[in-house]
């Protein structure tokens, strides 16, 4: 169900993507997928993530993501779905400031105990910068408020190495808290920009 919602959200934005103008050569039109590792509550979780973004008008974009990780020793699965609306503007050559607000759903599935999910919202502020013609760095701070869970601040950094106009390799790190426990998330992936 969550994957279907993610796909529908991206598909609904596709017709307007042709009108999108990239600011400073920084693309807001891409899809990516990759490997994700998370450390949380004395467990090591491994899984995957799917992300996409579509720019529209001059300063707007919509994005969606789905992440799922498993801890096999304890038979625990965590998943997260996000759908965001974002605004960006150039703050200097090859550097954008962005702000986004969106829906987030977090779920946990523990074997023999069942699964549970909670909804809420996430707000984020950040910067994306082309530090070389084919290398981007980005950073973001977030505030997440999910019903029945504590509200938490988080930080994230990432990099994209574009080896041509379409394809790139991504790397990311995030730190946040979930249920009063620190959570560290690393990711590597492949991005297709269009």
N, C-alpha and C. Protein backbone atom coordinates (compact mmCIF):
# COMPACT_ATOMS: atom_id res chain seq x y z
N UNK A 1 0.82 -1.20 0.00
CA UNK A 1 0.00 0.00 0.00
C UNK A 1 0.86 1.26 0.00
N UNK A 2 1.90 1.26 0.85
CA UNK A 2 2.76 2.44 0.94
C UNK A 2 3.52 2.66 -0.36
N UNK A 3 3.99 1.56 -0.98
CA UNK A 3 4.71 1.69 -2.25
C UNK A 3 3.78 2.21 -3.33
N UNK A 4 2.52 1.76 -3.30
CA UNK A 4 1.55 2.24 -4.28
C UNK A 4 1.30 3.74 -4.12
N UNK A 5 1.17 4.21 -2.88
CA UNK A 5 0.99 5.65 -2.64
C UNK A 5 2.19 6.46 -3.12
N UNK A 6 3.40 5.92 -2.87
CA UNK A 6 4.61 6.60 -3.32
C UNK A 6 4.63 6.70 -4.84
N UNK A 7 4.30 5.60 -5.51
CA UNK A 7 4.26 5.60 -6.97
C UNK A 7 3.23 6.55 -7.53
N UNK A 8 2.04 6.58 -6.93
CA UNK A 8 0.99 7.49 -7.38
C UNK A 8 1.38 8.95 -7.19
N UNK A 9 2.03 9.25 -6.06
CA UNK A 9 2.45 10.63 -5.81
C UNK A 9 3.45 11.09 -6.86
N UNK A 10 4.41 10.23 -7.20
CA UNK A 10 5.39 10.60 -8.21
C UNK A 10 4.75 10.68 -9.60
N UNK A 11 3.88 9.73 -9.92
CA UNK A 11 3.24 9.73 -11.23
C UNK A 11 2.37 10.96 -11.43
N UNK A 12 1.73 11.43 -10.36
CA UNK A 12 0.87 12.61 -10.48
C UNK A 12 1.68 13.86 -10.81
N UNK A 13 2.94 13.87 -10.41
CA UNK A 13 3.77 15.04 -10.65
C UNK A 13 4.51 14.99 -11.98
N UNK A 14 4.56 13.84 -12.65
CA UNK A 14 5.32 13.71 -13.89
C UNK A 14 4.91 14.68 -14.99
N UNK A 15 3.62 14.94 -15.24
CA UNK A 15 3.28 15.85 -16.32
C UNK A 15 3.82 17.26 -16.17
N UNK A 16 4.05 17.71 -14.95
CA UNK A 16 4.55 19.07 -14.77
C UNK A 16 6.07 19.14 -14.75
N UNK A 17 6.74 17.98 -14.77
CA UNK A 17 8.19 18.00 -14.65
C UNK A 17 8.86 18.66 -15.85
N UNK A 18 8.24 18.61 -17.00
CA UNK A 18 8.85 19.22 -18.18
C UNK A 18 8.95 20.74 -18.03
N UNK A 19 8.11 21.33 -17.18
CA UNK A 19 8.12 22.77 -16.98
C UNK A 19 9.15 23.20 -15.93
N UNK A 20 9.72 22.23 -15.24
CA UNK A 20 10.60 22.57 -14.12
C UNK A 20 11.92 23.14 -14.61
N UNK A 21 12.36 24.15 -13.93
CA UNK A 21 13.65 24.75 -14.23
C UNK A 21 14.59 24.48 -13.07
N UNK A 22 15.75 23.90 -13.36
CA UNK A 22 16.72 23.65 -12.32
C UNK A 22 17.44 24.94 -11.96
N UNK A 23 17.61 25.15 -10.68
CA UNK A 23 18.30 26.34 -10.19
C UNK A 23 19.78 26.04 -10.06
N UNK A 24 20.63 26.90 -10.61
CA UNK A 24 22.07 26.76 -10.44
C UNK A 24 22.62 25.42 -10.93
N UNK A 25 21.94 24.75 -11.85
CA UNK A 25 22.40 23.45 -12.31
C UNK A 25 22.11 22.33 -11.35
N UNK A 26 21.42 22.59 -10.25
CA UNK A 26 21.06 21.57 -9.27
C UNK A 26 19.71 21.00 -9.66
N UNK A 27 19.67 19.70 -9.92
CA UNK A 27 18.45 19.07 -10.43
C UNK A 27 17.50 18.67 -9.30
N UNK A 28 16.23 18.99 -9.49
CA UNK A 28 15.17 18.54 -8.58
C UNK A 28 14.32 17.47 -9.25
N UNK A 29 14.82 16.90 -10.34
CA UNK A 29 14.12 15.84 -11.08
C UNK A 29 15.00 14.59 -11.08
N UNK A 30 14.67 13.63 -10.23
CA UNK A 30 15.47 12.42 -10.16
C UNK A 30 14.70 11.29 -9.48
N UNK A 31 15.19 10.08 -9.70
CA UNK A 31 14.77 8.89 -8.96
C UNK A 31 16.05 8.20 -8.51
N UNK A 32 16.00 7.56 -7.35
CA UNK A 32 17.17 6.84 -6.89
C UNK A 32 16.77 5.68 -5.99
N UNK A 33 17.64 4.73 -5.91
CA UNK A 33 17.44 3.58 -5.05
C UNK A 33 18.77 3.13 -4.51
N UNK A 34 18.74 2.46 -3.35
CA UNK A 34 20.01 2.03 -2.80
C UNK A 34 19.89 1.20 -1.55
N UNK A 35 21.05 0.89 -1.01
CA UNK A 35 21.20 0.11 0.22
C UNK A 35 21.17 1.05 1.42
N UNK A 36 20.52 0.62 2.51
CA UNK A 36 20.43 1.40 3.74
C UNK A 36 20.84 0.53 4.93
N UNK A 37 21.63 1.11 5.82
CA UNK A 37 22.00 0.44 7.08
C UNK A 37 21.66 1.39 8.23
N UNK A 38 21.07 0.85 9.30
CA UNK A 38 20.71 1.66 10.46
C UNK A 38 21.14 0.97 11.74
N UNK A 39 21.64 1.77 12.69
CA UNK A 39 21.94 1.28 14.04
C UNK A 39 20.91 1.91 14.97
N UNK A 40 20.17 1.07 15.70
CA UNK A 40 19.16 1.58 16.62
C UNK A 40 18.88 0.55 17.70
N UNK A 41 18.82 0.98 18.94
CA UNK A 41 18.44 0.15 20.08
C UNK A 41 19.24 -1.16 20.11
N UNK A 42 20.55 -1.05 20.01
CA UNK A 42 21.47 -2.20 20.04
C UNK A 42 21.25 -3.18 18.89
N UNK A 43 20.58 -2.75 17.83
CA UNK A 43 20.38 -3.61 16.67
C UNK A 43 21.01 -3.02 15.42
N UNK A 44 21.40 -3.90 14.50
CA UNK A 44 21.93 -3.51 13.20
C UNK A 44 20.90 -3.89 12.14
N UNK A 45 20.39 -2.88 11.46
CA UNK A 45 19.33 -3.07 10.47
C UNK A 45 19.88 -2.85 9.07
N UNK A 46 19.48 -3.69 8.13
CA UNK A 46 19.89 -3.55 6.73
C UNK A 46 18.65 -3.62 5.85
N UNK A 47 18.69 -2.83 4.75
CA UNK A 47 17.55 -2.85 3.84
C UNK A 47 17.79 -1.97 2.63
N UNK A 48 16.73 -1.31 2.19
CA UNK A 48 16.80 -0.52 0.97
C UNK A 48 16.00 0.77 1.11
N UNK A 49 16.25 1.69 0.18
CA UNK A 49 15.47 2.92 0.12
C UNK A 49 15.18 3.26 -1.33
N UNK A 50 14.06 3.92 -1.55
CA UNK A 50 13.65 4.44 -2.86
C UNK A 50 13.28 5.91 -2.67
N UNK A 51 13.77 6.77 -3.54
CA UNK A 51 13.52 8.21 -3.42
C UNK A 51 13.23 8.79 -4.80
N UNK A 52 12.47 9.87 -4.82
CA UNK A 52 12.23 10.57 -6.07
C UNK A 52 11.84 12.01 -5.81
N UNK A 53 12.09 12.85 -6.80
CA UNK A 53 11.76 14.27 -6.70
C UNK A 53 11.38 14.78 -8.08
N UNK A 54 10.39 15.66 -8.12
CA UNK A 54 9.96 16.30 -9.37
C UNK A 54 9.87 17.80 -9.12
N UNK A 55 10.60 18.58 -9.91
CA UNK A 55 10.51 20.03 -9.82
C UNK A 55 9.36 20.55 -10.66
N UNK A 56 8.72 21.63 -10.20
CA UNK A 56 7.66 22.26 -10.98
C UNK A 56 7.66 23.75 -10.69
N UNK A 57 6.99 24.50 -11.56
CA UNK A 57 7.03 25.96 -11.51
C UNK A 57 8.50 26.38 -11.48
N UNK A 58 8.82 27.45 -10.81
CA UNK A 58 10.22 27.89 -10.82
C UNK A 58 10.98 27.49 -9.56
N UNK A 59 10.30 27.46 -8.41
CA UNK A 59 11.00 27.22 -7.15
C UNK A 59 10.42 26.07 -6.33
N UNK A 60 9.60 25.23 -6.91
CA UNK A 60 8.89 24.21 -6.14
C UNK A 60 9.28 22.81 -6.57
N UNK A 61 9.12 21.86 -5.65
CA UNK A 61 9.33 20.45 -5.98
C UNK A 61 8.48 19.59 -5.05
N UNK A 62 8.18 18.42 -5.52
CA UNK A 62 7.53 17.41 -4.70
C UNK A 62 8.48 16.23 -4.59
N UNK A 63 8.53 15.61 -3.44
CA UNK A 63 9.41 14.46 -3.27
C UNK A 63 8.70 13.38 -2.46
N UNK A 64 9.18 12.16 -2.64
CA UNK A 64 8.63 11.03 -1.90
C UNK A 64 9.75 10.03 -1.67
N UNK A 65 9.64 9.30 -0.57
CA UNK A 65 10.65 8.28 -0.27
C UNK A 65 10.03 7.14 0.51
N UNK A 66 10.65 5.98 0.36
CA UNK A 66 10.26 4.80 1.13
C UNK A 66 11.54 4.10 1.57
N UNK A 67 11.62 3.75 2.85
CA UNK A 67 12.80 3.08 3.39
C UNK A 67 12.33 1.92 4.25
N UNK A 68 12.99 0.75 4.08
CA UNK A 68 12.64 -0.44 4.87
C UNK A 68 13.93 -1.15 5.28
N UNK A 69 14.07 -1.41 6.58
CA UNK A 69 15.26 -2.10 7.09
C UNK A 69 14.82 -3.21 8.05
N UNK A 70 15.61 -4.29 8.09
CA UNK A 70 15.31 -5.46 8.93
C UNK A 70 16.47 -5.75 9.86
N UNK A 71 16.15 -6.22 11.07
CA UNK A 71 17.13 -6.72 12.02
C UNK A 71 16.81 -8.19 12.21
N UNK A 72 17.65 -9.07 11.64
CA UNK A 72 17.33 -10.49 11.60
C UNK A 72 17.46 -11.19 12.94
N UNK A 73 18.38 -10.74 13.80
CA UNK A 73 18.56 -11.41 15.10
C UNK A 73 17.31 -11.31 15.97
N UNK A 74 16.60 -10.17 15.88
CA UNK A 74 15.41 -9.96 16.70
C UNK A 74 14.12 -10.00 15.89
N UNK A 75 14.21 -10.28 14.58
CA UNK A 75 13.04 -10.33 13.69
C UNK A 75 12.21 -9.06 13.77
N UNK A 76 12.89 -7.92 13.62
CA UNK A 76 12.23 -6.61 13.67
C UNK A 76 12.41 -5.93 12.31
N UNK A 77 11.34 -5.34 11.80
CA UNK A 77 11.38 -4.58 10.56
C UNK A 77 10.89 -3.16 10.83
N UNK A 78 11.64 -2.16 10.36
CA UNK A 78 11.25 -0.76 10.45
C UNK A 78 11.04 -0.24 9.04
N UNK A 79 9.98 0.55 8.84
CA UNK A 79 9.80 1.19 7.53
C UNK A 79 9.32 2.62 7.73
N UNK A 80 9.62 3.43 6.71
CA UNK A 80 9.25 4.85 6.76
C UNK A 80 8.86 5.31 5.36
N UNK A 81 7.73 6.01 5.28
CA UNK A 81 7.26 6.60 4.03
C UNK A 81 7.12 8.09 4.23
N UNK A 82 7.58 8.88 3.25
CA UNK A 82 7.46 10.34 3.30
C UNK A 82 6.94 10.86 1.97
N UNK A 83 6.11 11.89 2.04
CA UNK A 83 5.69 12.64 0.86
C UNK A 83 5.81 14.11 1.23
N UNK A 84 6.60 14.89 0.47
CA UNK A 84 6.93 16.26 0.83
C UNK A 84 6.61 17.25 -0.28
N UNK A 85 6.34 18.47 0.13
CA UNK A 85 6.29 19.61 -0.77
C UNK A 85 7.43 20.53 -0.36
N UNK A 86 8.26 20.94 -1.35
CA UNK A 86 9.42 21.75 -1.02
C UNK A 86 9.52 23.00 -1.86
N UNK A 87 10.24 23.97 -1.33
CA UNK A 87 10.51 25.25 -2.01
C UNK A 87 12.01 25.48 -1.95
N UNK A 88 12.61 25.96 -3.07
CA UNK A 88 14.04 26.22 -3.09
C UNK A 88 14.34 27.53 -3.79
N UNK A 89 15.47 28.12 -3.43
CA UNK A 89 15.92 29.35 -4.06
C UNK A 89 17.44 29.41 -4.01
N UNK A 90 18.03 30.05 -5.01
CA UNK A 90 19.48 30.20 -5.03
C UNK A 90 19.92 31.20 -3.97
N UNK A 91 20.96 30.85 -3.22
CA UNK A 91 21.51 31.79 -2.25
C UNK A 91 22.89 32.29 -2.69
N UNK A 92 23.50 31.60 -3.61
CA UNK A 92 24.69 32.07 -4.31
C UNK A 92 24.90 31.13 -5.49
N UNK A 93 25.89 31.43 -6.31
CA UNK A 93 26.10 30.60 -7.49
C UNK A 93 26.36 29.15 -7.08
N UNK A 94 25.62 28.23 -7.72
CA UNK A 94 25.75 26.79 -7.48
C UNK A 94 25.36 26.36 -6.06
N UNK A 95 24.52 27.15 -5.38
CA UNK A 95 24.08 26.77 -4.03
C UNK A 95 22.62 27.18 -3.83
N UNK A 96 21.81 26.23 -3.37
CA UNK A 96 20.39 26.46 -3.10
C UNK A 96 20.08 26.25 -1.63
N UNK A 97 19.18 27.08 -1.11
CA UNK A 97 18.53 26.85 0.18
C UNK A 97 17.19 26.19 -0.11
N UNK A 98 16.76 25.24 0.72
CA UNK A 98 15.44 24.64 0.53
C UNK A 98 14.73 24.46 1.86
N UNK A 99 13.41 24.46 1.77
CA UNK A 99 12.55 24.20 2.93
C UNK A 99 11.46 23.25 2.47
N UNK A 100 11.11 22.28 3.29
CA UNK A 100 10.08 21.31 2.91
C UNK A 100 9.23 20.92 4.11
N UNK A 101 8.01 20.52 3.79
CA UNK A 101 7.06 20.08 4.80
C UNK A 101 6.31 18.89 4.23
N UNK A 102 6.12 17.86 5.03
CA UNK A 102 5.45 16.70 4.48
C UNK A 102 4.89 15.74 5.50
N UNK A 103 4.22 14.75 4.96
CA UNK A 103 3.61 13.65 5.69
C UNK A 103 4.65 12.56 5.89
N UNK A 104 4.64 11.94 7.07
CA UNK A 104 5.54 10.81 7.32
C UNK A 104 4.76 9.72 8.05
N UNK A 105 5.03 8.47 7.67
CA UNK A 105 4.45 7.31 8.32
C UNK A 105 5.60 6.40 8.72
N UNK A 106 5.65 6.02 10.00
CA UNK A 106 6.69 5.12 10.49
C UNK A 106 6.03 3.86 11.01
N UNK A 107 6.59 2.72 10.64
CA UNK A 107 6.03 1.45 11.05
C UNK A 107 7.07 0.53 11.65
N UNK A 108 6.66 -0.33 12.55
CA UNK A 108 7.51 -1.36 13.12
C UNK A 108 6.75 -2.68 13.10
N UNK A 109 7.44 -3.74 12.72
CA UNK A 109 6.85 -5.07 12.67
C UNK A 109 7.78 -6.00 13.45
N UNK A 110 7.27 -6.58 14.54
CA UNK A 110 8.04 -7.49 15.37
C UNK A 110 7.39 -8.86 15.27
N UNK A 111 8.17 -9.84 14.82
CA UNK A 111 7.63 -11.18 14.63
C UNK A 111 7.05 -11.70 15.94
N UNK A 112 5.91 -12.32 15.86
CA UNK A 112 5.16 -12.88 16.99
C UNK A 112 4.47 -11.82 17.86
N UNK A 113 4.69 -10.51 17.55
CA UNK A 113 4.02 -9.44 18.29
C UNK A 113 3.14 -8.57 17.40
N UNK A 114 3.28 -8.68 16.08
CA UNK A 114 2.48 -7.89 15.16
C UNK A 114 3.17 -6.61 14.72
N UNK A 115 2.41 -5.80 14.00
CA UNK A 115 2.99 -4.55 13.50
C UNK A 115 2.14 -3.37 13.93
N UNK A 116 2.77 -2.20 13.91
CA UNK A 116 2.13 -0.95 14.32
C UNK A 116 2.71 0.16 13.47
N UNK A 117 1.88 1.14 13.12
CA UNK A 117 2.41 2.30 12.40
C UNK A 117 1.75 3.56 12.92
N UNK A 118 2.47 4.67 12.80
CA UNK A 118 2.00 5.97 13.26
C UNK A 118 2.27 7.01 12.19
N UNK A 119 1.39 8.02 12.10
CA UNK A 119 1.51 9.09 11.11
C UNK A 119 1.86 10.40 11.80
N UNK A 120 2.44 11.29 11.01
CA UNK A 120 2.75 12.62 11.52
C UNK A 120 3.28 13.50 10.41
N UNK A 121 4.07 14.49 10.79
CA UNK A 121 4.63 15.39 9.79
C UNK A 121 6.12 15.60 10.07
N UNK A 122 6.82 16.03 9.03
CA UNK A 122 8.24 16.36 9.15
C UNK A 122 8.50 17.66 8.41
N UNK A 123 9.22 18.57 9.04
CA UNK A 123 9.65 19.82 8.41
C UNK A 123 11.16 19.80 8.32
N UNK A 124 11.70 20.33 7.23
CA UNK A 124 13.14 20.33 7.05
C UNK A 124 13.65 21.60 6.40
N UNK A 125 14.87 21.99 6.74
CA UNK A 125 15.58 23.11 6.13
C UNK A 125 16.96 22.63 5.75
N UNK A 126 17.45 23.07 4.58
CA UNK A 126 18.77 22.61 4.20
C UNK A 126 19.39 23.39 3.07
N UNK A 127 20.55 22.92 2.66
CA UNK A 127 21.33 23.54 1.59
C UNK A 127 21.84 22.43 0.67
N UNK A 128 21.78 22.71 -0.64
CA UNK A 128 22.39 21.85 -1.65
C UNK A 128 23.40 22.70 -2.42
N UNK A 129 24.60 22.16 -2.66
CA UNK A 129 25.64 22.95 -3.34
C UNK A 129 26.44 22.08 -4.29
N UNK A 130 26.66 22.58 -5.51
CA UNK A 130 27.59 21.96 -6.44
C UNK A 130 28.98 22.51 -6.13
N UNK A 131 29.80 21.72 -5.47
CA UNK A 131 31.13 22.18 -5.10
C UNK A 131 32.13 21.93 -6.23
N UNK A 132 31.75 21.15 -7.22
CA UNK A 132 32.50 20.92 -8.46
C UNK A 132 31.46 20.64 -9.53
N UNK A 133 31.81 20.72 -10.81
CA UNK A 133 30.80 20.52 -11.85
C UNK A 133 30.05 19.19 -11.76
N UNK A 134 30.67 18.17 -11.18
CA UNK A 134 30.01 16.87 -11.11
C UNK A 134 29.87 16.34 -9.67
N UNK A 135 30.02 17.22 -8.66
CA UNK A 135 29.97 16.75 -7.28
C UNK A 135 29.12 17.69 -6.42
N UNK A 136 28.07 17.12 -5.81
CA UNK A 136 27.15 17.89 -4.98
C UNK A 136 27.25 17.46 -3.53
N UNK A 137 27.22 18.43 -2.61
CA UNK A 137 27.10 18.18 -1.18
C UNK A 137 25.78 18.77 -0.70
N UNK A 138 25.17 18.14 0.30
CA UNK A 138 23.93 18.68 0.85
C UNK A 138 23.87 18.40 2.34
N UNK A 139 23.09 19.23 3.02
CA UNK A 139 22.88 19.06 4.45
C UNK A 139 21.49 19.53 4.82
N UNK A 140 20.91 18.91 5.86
CA UNK A 140 19.54 19.23 6.23
C UNK A 140 19.33 19.01 7.72
N UNK A 141 18.51 19.87 8.34
CA UNK A 141 18.03 19.64 9.70
C UNK A 141 16.52 19.39 9.60
N UNK A 142 16.01 18.50 10.44
CA UNK A 142 14.59 18.15 10.39
C UNK A 142 13.97 18.18 11.78
N UNK A 143 12.67 18.38 11.79
CA UNK A 143 11.87 18.24 13.00
C UNK A 143 10.72 17.31 12.65
N UNK A 144 10.58 16.23 13.41
CA UNK A 144 9.55 15.22 13.13
C UNK A 144 8.62 15.13 14.32
N UNK A 145 7.31 15.15 14.04
CA UNK A 145 6.29 15.01 15.08
C UNK A 145 5.32 13.92 14.63
N UNK A 146 5.36 12.79 15.33
CA UNK A 146 4.52 11.64 14.99
C UNK A 146 3.67 11.29 16.20
N UNK A 147 2.38 11.07 15.98
CA UNK A 147 1.48 10.77 17.09
C UNK A 147 1.97 9.54 17.86
N UNK A 148 1.85 9.60 19.17
CA UNK A 148 2.26 8.53 20.09
C UNK A 148 3.76 8.29 20.14
N UNK A 149 4.55 9.10 19.45
CA UNK A 149 6.01 9.04 19.54
C UNK A 149 6.50 10.43 19.92
N UNK A 150 7.68 10.50 20.49
CA UNK A 150 8.24 11.80 20.84
C UNK A 150 8.55 12.61 19.59
N UNK A 151 8.47 13.93 19.70
CA UNK A 151 8.94 14.81 18.63
C UNK A 151 10.45 14.85 18.70
N UNK A 152 11.10 14.82 17.54
CA UNK A 152 12.55 14.74 17.52
C UNK A 152 13.15 15.63 16.44
N UNK A 153 14.34 16.16 16.72
CA UNK A 153 15.15 16.85 15.72
C UNK A 153 16.12 15.84 15.13
N UNK A 154 16.51 16.08 13.88
CA UNK A 154 17.48 15.21 13.23
C UNK A 154 18.37 16.04 12.31
N UNK A 155 19.49 15.46 11.92
CA UNK A 155 20.40 16.10 10.97
C UNK A 155 20.82 15.07 9.94
N UNK A 156 21.12 15.55 8.75
CA UNK A 156 21.57 14.65 7.70
C UNK A 156 22.52 15.35 6.75
N UNK A 157 23.45 14.59 6.19
CA UNK A 157 24.37 15.10 5.17
C UNK A 157 24.42 14.07 4.05
N UNK A 158 24.76 14.56 2.84
CA UNK A 158 24.84 13.65 1.72
C UNK A 158 25.73 14.19 0.62
N UNK A 159 26.02 13.32 -0.33
CA UNK A 159 26.85 13.69 -1.48
C UNK A 159 26.34 12.94 -2.71
N UNK A 160 26.50 13.57 -3.86
CA UNK A 160 26.16 12.94 -5.13
C UNK A 160 27.32 13.19 -6.10
N UNK A 161 27.86 12.11 -6.65
CA UNK A 161 28.88 12.22 -7.69
C UNK A 161 28.19 11.90 -9.00
N UNK A 162 28.04 12.92 -9.85
CA UNK A 162 27.40 12.77 -11.16
C UNK A 162 28.47 12.39 -12.17
N UNK A 163 28.44 11.15 -12.67
CA UNK A 163 29.46 10.80 -13.64
C UNK A 163 29.02 11.03 -15.08
N UNK A 164 27.76 11.45 -15.29
CA UNK A 164 27.31 12.05 -16.55
C UNK A 164 26.01 12.79 -16.25
N UNK A 165 25.32 13.31 -17.27
CA UNK A 165 24.12 14.12 -17.02
C UNK A 165 22.98 13.32 -16.40
N UNK A 166 22.95 12.03 -16.62
CA UNK A 166 21.85 11.21 -16.11
C UNK A 166 22.21 10.47 -14.83
N UNK A 167 23.35 9.81 -14.79
CA UNK A 167 23.65 8.88 -13.70
C UNK A 167 24.58 9.46 -12.65
N UNK A 168 24.33 9.04 -11.40
CA UNK A 168 25.18 9.47 -10.30
C UNK A 168 25.17 8.45 -9.17
N UNK A 169 26.19 8.52 -8.33
CA UNK A 169 26.29 7.69 -7.13
C UNK A 169 26.02 8.58 -5.93
N UNK A 170 25.28 8.06 -4.96
CA UNK A 170 24.91 8.85 -3.79
C UNK A 170 25.43 8.20 -2.51
N UNK A 171 25.66 9.04 -1.51
CA UNK A 171 26.00 8.58 -0.18
C UNK A 171 25.34 9.50 0.83
N UNK A 172 24.89 8.95 1.97
CA UNK A 172 24.20 9.80 2.95
C UNK A 172 24.40 9.27 4.37
N UNK A 173 24.22 10.18 5.32
CA UNK A 173 24.24 9.84 6.74
C UNK A 173 23.18 10.69 7.44
N UNK A 174 22.40 10.07 8.33
CA UNK A 174 21.40 10.78 9.13
C UNK A 174 21.54 10.37 10.60
N UNK A 175 21.28 11.32 11.47
CA UNK A 175 21.22 11.03 12.90
C UNK A 175 19.90 11.59 13.43
N UNK A 176 19.16 10.75 14.14
CA UNK A 176 17.92 11.17 14.77
C UNK A 176 17.69 10.32 16.01
N UNK A 177 16.54 10.45 16.61
CA UNK A 177 16.17 9.61 17.75
C UNK A 177 14.80 9.01 17.49
N UNK A 178 14.61 7.78 17.94
CA UNK A 178 13.34 7.10 17.82
C UNK A 178 13.07 6.39 19.14
N UNK A 179 11.96 6.71 19.78
CA UNK A 179 11.60 6.13 21.08
C UNK A 179 12.73 6.30 22.10
N UNK A 180 13.27 7.53 22.17
CA UNK A 180 14.31 7.89 23.12
C UNK A 180 15.63 7.14 22.91
N UNK A 181 15.83 6.58 21.73
CA UNK A 181 17.09 5.90 21.39
C UNK A 181 17.72 6.58 20.19
N UNK A 182 19.04 6.77 20.21
CA UNK A 182 19.74 7.32 19.05
C UNK A 182 19.63 6.37 17.87
N UNK A 183 19.46 6.95 16.68
CA UNK A 183 19.42 6.17 15.45
C UNK A 183 20.36 6.80 14.44
N UNK A 184 21.27 6.00 13.90
CA UNK A 184 22.20 6.43 12.86
C UNK A 184 21.90 5.64 11.59
N UNK A 185 21.78 6.35 10.48
CA UNK A 185 21.38 5.72 9.22
C UNK A 185 22.38 6.10 8.13
N UNK A 186 22.96 5.10 7.47
CA UNK A 186 23.86 5.31 6.34
C UNK A 186 23.21 4.76 5.08
N UNK A 187 23.51 5.38 3.96
CA UNK A 187 22.97 4.89 2.70
C UNK A 187 23.91 5.13 1.54
N UNK A 188 23.89 4.23 0.57
CA UNK A 188 24.58 4.40 -0.71
C UNK A 188 23.61 3.99 -1.79
N UNK A 189 23.68 4.66 -2.94
CA UNK A 189 22.74 4.34 -3.98
C UNK A 189 23.13 4.87 -5.34
N UNK A 190 22.21 4.69 -6.29
CA UNK A 190 22.36 5.14 -7.66
C UNK A 190 21.22 6.09 -7.97
N UNK A 191 21.53 7.23 -8.58
CA UNK A 191 20.52 8.24 -8.94
C UNK A 191 20.47 8.40 -10.45
N UNK A 192 19.24 8.51 -10.96
CA UNK A 192 19.01 8.86 -12.37
C UNK A 192 18.32 10.21 -12.40
N UNK A 193 18.97 11.22 -12.97
CA UNK A 193 18.41 12.57 -13.09
C UNK A 193 17.82 12.73 -14.49
N UNK A 194 16.76 13.52 -14.57
CA UNK A 194 16.14 13.74 -15.89
C UNK A 194 15.66 15.16 -16.01
